[in-house]
Protein backbone atom coordinates (compact mmCIF):
# COMPACT_ATOMS: atom_id res chain seq x y z
CA MET A 1 20.09 5.19 -9.94
CA SER A 2 22.39 4.86 -7.52
CA PRO A 3 23.48 1.91 -6.74
CA TYR A 4 23.16 1.53 -3.12
CA VAL A 5 19.28 2.14 -2.32
CA THR A 6 19.64 4.35 0.88
CA PRO A 7 17.73 5.48 4.12
CA ASP A 8 16.67 8.63 2.86
CA THR A 9 16.08 6.86 -1.04
CA LEU A 10 13.94 4.31 0.43
CA VAL A 11 11.97 6.68 2.34
CA ASP A 12 11.27 8.64 -0.89
CA LEU A 13 10.83 5.37 -2.65
CA CYS A 14 7.76 4.51 -0.23
CA LEU A 15 5.95 7.56 -0.10
CA GLY A 16 5.87 7.89 -3.46
CA LEU A 17 3.60 5.73 -4.16
CA PRO A 18 -0.53 6.19 -4.59
CA GLN A 19 -1.46 6.16 -0.86
CA ALA A 20 1.31 5.61 0.88
CA MET A 21 1.93 6.49 4.57
CA GLU A 22 4.78 5.70 7.17
CA THR A 23 4.43 4.69 10.25
CA PHE A 24 5.55 4.20 14.16
CA PRO A 25 3.76 1.76 15.44
CA PHE A 26 7.15 -0.96 16.88
CA GLY A 27 8.52 2.34 17.67
CA GLU A 28 10.90 5.11 16.60
CA GLU A 29 13.46 2.86 14.81
CA THR A 30 11.43 0.93 13.15
CA SER A 31 9.51 2.71 10.41
CA VAL A 32 6.94 1.33 9.51
CA PHE A 33 4.82 1.74 5.68
CA LYS A 34 1.16 0.73 4.67
CA THR A 35 -1.45 2.34 2.80
CA SER A 36 -3.58 5.09 3.80
CA GLY A 37 -6.80 3.26 2.04
CA ASN A 38 -7.16 -0.12 3.84
CA GLY A 39 -3.97 -0.03 5.98
CA LYS A 40 -1.69 -2.91 4.71
CA ILE A 41 1.67 -2.68 5.69
CA PHE A 42 4.00 -3.05 2.63
CA ALA A 43 7.14 -2.44 3.84
CA LEU A 44 9.19 -2.12 6.89
CA ALA A 45 12.71 -0.69 8.06
CA ALA A 46 14.90 -0.18 10.50
CA LEU A 47 16.23 2.84 9.07
CA ALA A 48 19.38 3.38 10.98
CA SER A 49 20.07 0.08 10.95
CA GLU A 50 23.53 -0.66 9.93
CA PRO A 51 23.28 -2.59 7.52
CA LEU A 52 19.87 -0.79 5.67
CA THR A 53 17.64 -3.67 5.88
CA VAL A 54 13.85 -3.27 4.13
CA SER A 55 10.99 -6.22 4.59
CA LEU A 56 8.63 -6.87 1.71
CA LYS A 57 5.51 -8.75 0.93
CA CYS A 58 6.52 -11.05 -1.37
CA ASP A 59 4.73 -13.76 -3.72
CA PRO A 60 6.09 -16.82 -2.36
CA GLU A 61 7.45 -18.00 -5.76
CA GLU A 62 8.91 -15.35 -7.33
CA GLY A 63 10.89 -14.98 -3.22
CA ARG A 64 11.34 -18.54 -2.82
CA ALA A 65 13.67 -17.43 -6.65
CA LEU A 66 15.01 -14.62 -5.42
CA ARG A 67 16.94 -16.51 -1.99
CA GLU A 68 17.78 -18.69 -4.39
CA GLU A 69 20.18 -16.29 -6.51
CA PHE A 70 20.80 -13.52 -3.98
CA PRO A 71 21.39 -15.74 -0.53
CA LEU A 72 23.44 -14.03 1.30
CA TRP A 73 20.74 -10.62 0.75
CA ILE A 74 17.03 -12.05 0.36
CA THR A 75 15.93 -13.94 2.92
CA PRO A 76 12.84 -15.33 4.86
CA GLY A 77 10.59 -11.96 5.86
CA TYR A 78 12.78 -11.55 9.34
CA HIS A 79 9.79 -11.58 12.64
CA LEU A 80 7.66 -11.89 9.24
CA ASN A 81 5.27 -15.36 7.21
CA LYS A 82 8.03 -16.73 6.07
CA LYS A 83 6.52 -17.29 2.78
CA HIS A 84 4.89 -14.32 2.25
CA TRP A 85 7.72 -11.86 3.34
CA ILE A 86 11.68 -11.03 2.25
CA THR A 87 14.04 -9.69 4.09
CA ILE A 88 16.74 -7.66 1.91
CA VAL A 89 20.09 -6.18 3.07
CA LEU A 90 20.59 -2.88 0.23
CA ASP A 91 24.53 -2.67 0.52
CA GLY A 92 24.60 -2.72 -3.24
CA ASP A 93 25.32 -6.12 -3.35
CA VAL A 94 21.53 -6.08 -4.36
CA PRO A 95 19.81 -3.89 -7.70
CA ALA A 96 19.02 -1.12 -6.65
CA GLU A 97 16.74 -1.78 -9.79
CA LEU A 98 15.51 -4.78 -8.29
CA VAL A 99 14.52 -3.14 -4.94
CA GLU A 100 12.68 -0.76 -6.28
CA GLN A 101 10.87 -2.98 -8.75
CA LEU A 102 10.32 -5.49 -5.05
CA LEU A 103 8.88 -2.74 -3.36
CA ARG A 104 6.59 -1.65 -6.01
CA ASP A 105 5.32 -5.18 -6.24
CA SER A 106 5.10 -5.75 -2.90
CA HIS A 107 2.42 -2.26 -2.77
CA ALA A 108 0.37 -3.78 -5.90
CA LEU A 109 0.25 -6.70 -3.61
CA VAL A 110 -1.68 -4.79 -0.92
CA ARG A 111 -2.85 -1.09 -1.94
CA PRO A 112 -6.62 -1.74 -1.72
CA ARG A 113 -8.86 -1.76 -5.16
CA VAL A 114 -10.95 0.42 -6.82
CA PRO A 115 -14.09 -1.76 -7.76
CA ARG A 116 -14.73 -1.37 -11.21
CA PRO A 117 -18.03 0.77 -12.59
CA GLN A 118 -21.24 -1.70 -12.57
CA PRO A 119 -23.28 -1.31 -15.70
CA ASN A 120 -26.57 -0.14 -15.19
């Protein structure tokens, strides 16, 4: 994977996750990625912005650790709950592999749970 996450790469990563869909509830300039099963948001991005940023749902403790490790590139969620969301500047300073993992983690936090079969 390239050290940079491009807008096209970000869309491909998001839409490659199970039940993921792209919507535009805030206008054409903001892509909102959510799960089709329950409609919960796992990523928001202004794909045409410079620099490219993405906001992701994140475990509060992990979010705090990431903000300490990458203080210039990972900040509390922009216009979101600062405890449960982070915003990442995608200019190559945060490794692309980490961004991909955080995206998968965000999706896992909101994806619909499959009920376990009940014994008869």
